[in-house]
Each structure stands twice: as C-alpha cells, then as structure tokens.
N, C-alpha and C. Protein backbone atom coordinates (compact mmCIF):
# COMPACT_ATOMS: atom_id res chain seq x y z
N UNK A 1 136.35 131.10 131.87
CA UNK A 1 136.38 131.97 130.69
C UNK A 1 135.06 131.69 129.93
N UNK A 2 134.47 132.82 129.50
CA UNK A 2 133.18 132.77 128.84
C UNK A 2 133.34 132.31 127.37
N UNK A 3 132.28 131.93 126.75
CA UNK A 3 132.34 131.59 125.30
C UNK A 3 132.88 132.71 124.48
N UNK A 4 132.45 133.93 124.73
CA UNK A 4 132.88 135.11 123.96
C UNK A 4 134.36 135.30 124.15
N UNK A 5 134.80 135.19 125.39
CA UNK A 5 136.30 135.34 125.69
C UNK A 5 137.11 134.26 124.95
N UNK A 6 136.58 133.03 124.94
CA UNK A 6 137.28 131.94 124.16
C UNK A 6 137.32 132.25 122.70
N UNK A 7 136.17 132.72 122.22
CA UNK A 7 136.14 133.10 120.76
C UNK A 7 137.16 134.19 120.41
N UNK A 8 137.21 135.15 121.20
CA UNK A 8 138.19 136.27 121.01
C UNK A 8 139.63 135.81 121.12
N UNK A 9 139.91 134.90 122.10
CA UNK A 9 141.27 134.32 122.21
C UNK A 9 141.66 133.57 121.01
N UNK A 10 140.64 132.77 120.50
CA UNK A 10 140.80 132.02 119.29
C UNK A 10 141.17 132.83 118.06
N UNK A 11 140.43 133.95 117.97
CA UNK A 11 140.61 134.86 116.82
C UNK A 11 142.06 135.48 116.94
N UNK A 12 142.47 135.85 118.19
CA UNK A 12 143.77 136.44 118.34
C UNK A 12 144.83 135.36 117.98
N UNK A 13 144.68 134.13 118.32
CA UNK A 13 145.58 133.12 118.06
C UNK A 13 145.66 132.91 116.59
N UNK A 14 144.56 132.98 115.87
CA UNK A 14 144.51 132.77 114.42
C UNK A 14 145.26 133.91 113.75
N UNK A 15 145.07 135.17 114.15
CA UNK A 15 145.80 136.30 113.51
C UNK A 15 147.26 136.15 113.84
N UNK A 16 147.63 135.77 115.01
CA UNK A 16 149.02 135.53 115.31
C UNK A 16 149.66 134.48 114.51
N UNK A 17 148.87 133.44 114.23
CA UNK A 17 149.36 132.35 113.40
C UNK A 17 149.63 132.93 111.91
N UNK A 18 148.68 133.71 111.49
CA UNK A 18 148.70 134.31 110.16
C UNK A 18 150.05 135.15 110.03
N UNK A 19 150.31 135.95 111.08
CA UNK A 19 151.51 136.72 111.08
C UNK A 19 152.77 135.93 111.05
N UNK A 20 152.70 134.78 111.80
CA UNK A 20 153.88 133.91 111.84
C UNK A 20 154.15 133.29 110.46
N UNK A 21 153.05 132.81 109.78
CA UNK A 21 153.18 132.27 108.46
C UNK A 21 153.70 133.27 107.48
N UNK A 22 153.29 134.51 107.64
CA UNK A 22 153.70 135.59 106.66
C UNK A 22 155.21 135.83 106.74
N UNK A 23 155.77 135.53 107.87
CA UNK A 23 157.27 135.74 107.98
C UNK A 23 158.08 134.61 107.39
N UNK A 24 157.42 133.48 106.96
CA UNK A 24 158.18 132.35 106.30
C UNK A 24 158.68 132.70 104.97
N UNK A 25 159.69 132.01 104.51
CA UNK A 25 160.19 132.29 103.12
C UNK A 25 159.09 131.85 102.16
N UNK A 26 159.16 132.46 100.91
CA UNK A 26 158.12 132.19 99.98
C UNK A 26 157.94 130.69 99.64
N UNK A 27 159.05 129.93 99.55
CA UNK A 27 158.97 128.59 99.26
C UNK A 27 158.17 127.79 100.31
N UNK A 28 158.26 128.24 101.56
CA UNK A 28 157.52 127.53 102.61
C UNK A 28 156.00 127.75 102.58
N UNK A 29 155.67 128.82 101.92
CA UNK A 29 154.20 129.16 101.84
C UNK A 29 153.46 128.20 100.87
N UNK A 30 154.22 127.68 99.87
CA UNK A 30 153.59 126.62 99.09
C UNK A 30 152.72 127.09 97.95
N UNK A 31 151.74 126.28 97.73
CA UNK A 31 150.90 126.35 96.53
C UNK A 31 149.61 127.07 96.75
N UNK A 32 149.31 127.62 97.82
CA UNK A 32 148.04 128.29 98.11
C UNK A 32 148.12 129.82 97.67
N UNK A 33 148.84 130.14 96.65
CA UNK A 33 149.13 131.46 96.28
C UNK A 33 148.53 131.75 94.82
N UNK A 34 148.27 132.94 94.51
CA UNK A 34 147.88 133.28 93.15
C UNK A 34 147.85 134.82 92.93
N UNK A 35 147.47 135.19 91.78
CA UNK A 35 147.37 136.64 91.52
C UNK A 35 146.30 137.24 92.44
N UNK A 36 146.60 138.35 93.03
CA UNK A 36 145.70 138.99 94.02
C UNK A 36 144.22 139.14 93.49
N UNK A 37 144.14 139.70 92.28
CA UNK A 37 142.86 139.91 91.72
C UNK A 37 141.98 138.61 91.58
N UNK A 38 142.67 137.55 91.11
CA UNK A 38 141.94 136.26 91.05
C UNK A 38 141.58 135.66 92.35
N UNK A 39 142.46 135.77 93.40
CA UNK A 39 142.10 135.32 94.73
C UNK A 39 140.89 136.09 95.30
N UNK A 40 140.97 137.41 95.26
CA UNK A 40 139.92 138.21 95.76
C UNK A 40 138.60 137.97 95.05
N UNK A 41 138.64 137.81 93.77
CA UNK A 41 137.45 137.48 92.94
C UNK A 41 136.78 136.20 93.38
N UNK A 42 137.62 135.19 93.58
CA UNK A 42 137.12 133.85 94.04
C UNK A 42 136.49 133.95 95.39
N UNK A 43 137.12 134.64 96.30
CA UNK A 43 136.59 134.76 97.70
C UNK A 43 135.19 135.51 97.63
N UNK A 44 135.10 136.48 96.72
CA UNK A 44 133.90 137.22 96.56
C UNK A 44 132.79 136.35 95.84
N UNK A 45 133.11 135.80 94.69
CA UNK A 45 132.12 135.04 93.91
C UNK A 45 131.67 133.70 94.52
N UNK A 46 132.60 132.96 95.12
CA UNK A 46 132.27 131.69 95.66
C UNK A 46 131.74 131.70 97.05
N UNK A 47 132.23 132.64 97.87
CA UNK A 47 131.86 132.66 99.30
C UNK A 47 131.20 133.88 99.70
N UNK A 48 131.19 134.97 98.91
CA UNK A 48 130.48 136.19 99.24
C UNK A 48 131.27 137.01 100.28
N UNK A 49 132.62 136.71 100.37
CA UNK A 49 133.51 137.39 101.36
C UNK A 49 133.87 138.75 100.86
N UNK A 50 133.96 139.67 101.88
CA UNK A 50 134.48 141.01 101.60
C UNK A 50 135.58 141.28 102.68
N UNK A 51 136.47 142.24 102.40
CA UNK A 51 137.55 142.54 103.30
C UNK A 51 136.97 143.12 104.57
N UNK A 52 137.48 142.60 105.74
CA UNK A 52 136.98 143.11 107.01
C UNK A 52 138.12 143.75 107.86
N UNK A 53 139.29 143.50 107.52
CA UNK A 53 140.49 143.99 108.21
C UNK A 53 141.71 143.88 107.38
N UNK A 54 142.72 144.67 107.75
CA UNK A 54 143.99 144.77 107.02
C UNK A 54 145.10 145.17 107.97
N UNK A 55 146.31 144.65 107.70
CA UNK A 55 147.51 145.04 108.58
C UNK A 55 148.76 144.63 107.86
N UNK A 56 149.86 145.15 108.34
CA UNK A 56 151.19 144.74 107.86
C UNK A 56 151.65 143.57 108.56
N UNK A 57 152.27 142.67 107.79
CA UNK A 57 152.77 141.39 108.38
C UNK A 57 154.24 141.42 108.38
N UNK A 58 154.80 141.88 109.37
CA UNK A 58 156.31 141.94 109.55
C UNK A 58 156.99 142.60 108.39
N UNK A 59 156.48 143.52 107.75
CA UNK A 59 156.99 144.23 106.63
C UNK A 59 157.32 143.33 105.49
N UNK A 60 156.76 142.12 105.41
CA UNK A 60 156.94 141.25 104.31
C UNK A 60 155.76 141.15 103.47
N UNK A 61 154.61 141.67 103.87
CA UNK A 61 153.43 141.56 103.14
C UNK A 61 152.20 142.25 103.86
N UNK A 62 151.07 142.19 103.21
CA UNK A 62 149.87 142.76 103.79
C UNK A 62 148.96 141.61 104.16
N UNK A 63 148.53 141.56 105.43
CA UNK A 63 147.60 140.55 105.85
C UNK A 63 146.19 141.14 105.76
N UNK A 64 145.26 140.37 105.28
CA UNK A 64 143.84 140.70 105.20
C UNK A 64 142.94 139.69 105.62
N UNK A 65 141.88 140.08 106.30
CA UNK A 65 140.81 139.18 106.70
C UNK A 65 139.56 139.47 105.88
N UNK A 66 139.03 138.41 105.22
CA UNK A 66 137.82 138.48 104.51
C UNK A 66 136.77 137.62 105.11
N UNK A 67 135.51 138.08 105.09
CA UNK A 67 134.45 137.26 105.71
C UNK A 67 133.09 137.63 105.09
N UNK A 68 132.12 136.67 105.37
CA UNK A 68 130.81 136.84 104.77
C UNK A 68 129.81 136.72 105.90
N UNK A 69 128.92 137.74 106.00
CA UNK A 69 127.79 137.56 107.01
C UNK A 69 126.84 136.56 106.54
N UNK A 70 126.66 136.37 105.24
CA UNK A 70 125.69 135.44 104.62
C UNK A 70 126.07 133.99 104.77
N UNK A 71 127.31 133.70 104.46
CA UNK A 71 127.75 132.35 104.48
C UNK A 71 128.43 131.97 105.76
N UNK A 72 128.86 132.92 106.48
CA UNK A 72 129.61 132.72 107.74
C UNK A 72 131.12 132.29 107.59
N UNK A 73 131.50 132.25 106.33
CA UNK A 73 132.91 131.90 106.04
C UNK A 73 133.86 133.02 106.27
N UNK A 74 135.17 132.78 106.57
CA UNK A 74 136.19 133.75 106.66
C UNK A 74 137.50 133.15 106.07
N UNK A 75 138.35 134.08 105.64
CA UNK A 75 139.66 133.74 105.09
C UNK A 75 140.69 134.80 105.49
N UNK A 76 141.87 134.32 105.79
CA UNK A 76 143.02 135.21 106.07
C UNK A 76 143.92 134.99 104.87
N UNK A 77 144.40 136.14 104.31
CA UNK A 77 145.31 136.11 103.22
C UNK A 77 146.51 136.97 103.55
N UNK A 78 147.64 136.74 102.84
CA UNK A 78 148.88 137.59 102.90
C UNK A 78 149.21 137.91 101.50
N UNK A 79 149.35 139.16 101.14
CA UNK A 79 149.77 139.59 99.85
C UNK A 79 151.26 139.93 99.94
N UNK A 80 152.12 139.29 99.10
CA UNK A 80 153.61 139.45 99.16
C UNK A 80 153.99 140.59 98.27
N UNK A 81 155.21 141.09 98.49
CA UNK A 81 155.76 142.18 97.78
C UNK A 81 155.72 141.95 96.24
N UNK A 82 155.75 140.65 95.84
CA UNK A 82 155.77 140.37 94.34
C UNK A 82 154.36 140.39 93.80
N UNK A 83 153.32 140.58 94.65
CA UNK A 83 151.93 140.67 94.12
C UNK A 83 151.16 139.41 94.35
N UNK A 84 151.79 138.35 94.69
CA UNK A 84 151.03 137.06 94.93
C UNK A 84 150.26 137.26 96.26
N UNK A 85 149.03 136.65 96.28
CA UNK A 85 148.24 136.63 97.52
C UNK A 85 148.15 135.16 97.87
N UNK A 86 148.49 134.84 99.15
CA UNK A 86 148.49 133.55 99.71
C UNK A 86 147.39 133.33 100.69
N UNK A 87 146.69 132.16 100.61
CA UNK A 87 145.65 131.86 101.62
C UNK A 87 146.45 131.26 102.84
N UNK A 88 146.11 131.83 104.02
CA UNK A 88 146.79 131.40 105.20
C UNK A 88 145.92 130.52 106.15
N UNK A 89 144.65 130.93 106.24
CA UNK A 89 143.71 130.12 107.02
C UNK A 89 142.30 130.50 106.61
N UNK A 90 141.42 129.60 106.94
CA UNK A 90 139.99 129.83 106.57
C UNK A 90 139.12 129.04 107.49
N UNK A 91 137.84 129.43 107.63
CA UNK A 91 136.94 128.71 108.55
C UNK A 91 135.55 129.15 108.39
N UNK A 92 134.70 128.80 109.34
CA UNK A 92 133.31 129.15 109.31
C UNK A 92 132.89 129.80 110.67
N UNK A 93 131.59 130.19 110.68
CA UNK A 93 130.97 130.83 111.87
C UNK A 93 131.52 132.16 112.21
N UNK A 94 131.78 132.97 111.18
CA UNK A 94 132.32 134.36 111.42
C UNK A 94 131.36 135.23 112.16
N UNK A 95 131.87 135.98 113.14
CA UNK A 95 131.06 137.08 113.77
C UNK A 95 131.93 138.29 113.83
N UNK A 96 131.28 139.43 113.36
CA UNK A 96 132.03 140.73 113.55
C UNK A 96 131.93 141.16 114.97
N UNK A 97 133.05 141.39 115.59
CA UNK A 97 133.06 141.81 117.04
C UNK A 97 133.95 142.94 117.21
N UNK A 98 133.57 143.84 118.05
CA UNK A 98 134.44 145.04 118.44
C UNK A 98 134.47 145.09 119.97
N UNK A 99 134.74 143.93 120.58
CA UNK A 99 134.85 143.89 122.08
C UNK A 99 136.03 144.63 122.56
N UNK A 100 135.83 145.36 123.74
CA UNK A 100 136.93 145.91 124.45
C UNK A 100 137.48 144.88 125.40
N UNK A 101 138.67 144.36 125.09
CA UNK A 101 139.21 143.29 125.91
C UNK A 101 140.27 143.73 126.97
N UNK A 102 140.32 145.01 127.17
CA UNK A 102 141.33 145.55 128.13
C UNK A 102 141.10 145.00 129.48
N UNK A 103 139.85 144.68 129.81
CA UNK A 103 139.51 144.21 131.18
C UNK A 103 140.03 142.87 131.45
N UNK A 104 140.49 142.10 130.34
CA UNK A 104 141.03 140.78 130.51
C UNK A 104 142.51 140.70 130.79
N UNK A 105 143.19 141.90 130.73
CA UNK A 105 144.59 142.00 130.86
C UNK A 105 145.00 141.46 132.26
N UNK A 106 144.20 141.63 133.31
CA UNK A 106 144.53 141.27 134.62
C UNK A 106 143.80 139.99 135.09
N UNK A 107 143.07 139.35 134.19
CA UNK A 107 142.23 138.26 134.49
C UNK A 107 143.01 137.07 135.07
N UNK A 108 144.23 136.84 134.58
CA UNK A 108 145.04 135.72 135.06
C UNK A 108 145.93 135.96 136.16
N UNK A 109 146.06 137.20 136.59
CA UNK A 109 146.94 137.51 137.68
C UNK A 109 146.35 137.48 139.04
C-alpha cells in the first residue's frame, strides 16, 4: 500500500470514527461541546481553519471537517439538534485530496 493510500485509509477511518461518536448519547460526548458560533470562531481565530466538508451524522447531527492550509491543522465537529457543537477529533498535516479511490475496491481480492 502506498503512502497516499494509507493516508486516504486513515482519513476514511477518522471520518467513520466521527460518525460513530456522533451516534452516542449526548452524555457520552462529554465536555468538548459549546455554542456553535463560539467553536467555529475559535477554530478560525486560533488555528485559521475553515470548513472543508459537511455531512449528516446518522440523522442526529451535522458532521463538519475544518482545516487550515497555513497551519496544517484539522478538526472534525458534530453539531447536535440542540445547537451545541462538539469536537470529535483533531490533528495536523492536513492535505486537501480529491483522489479517485474506486480502483482500490478490488485491491485485496
């Protein structure tokens, strides 16, 4: 497996993990939540992150990926129906990628 393929698999695993966490009860999500505006402002002002992707998380919330080309940081959030935004995961070395991975479907068979 090439480095790019490993990176793409890692990103897929991270997004899957975010979706799994989004399905947990609110009490299990803990203390990494706040008002959406405040969370987004902090990601922007402290890390220079902007929204790069968005999706529904099992109809319980909206999952978003924020990242910065300048700092290389990234953050995955889930906004719940009550308006709270929770931090799910974060990291470094962000790369915008639009790889076609369909050729990998038969790689292990």
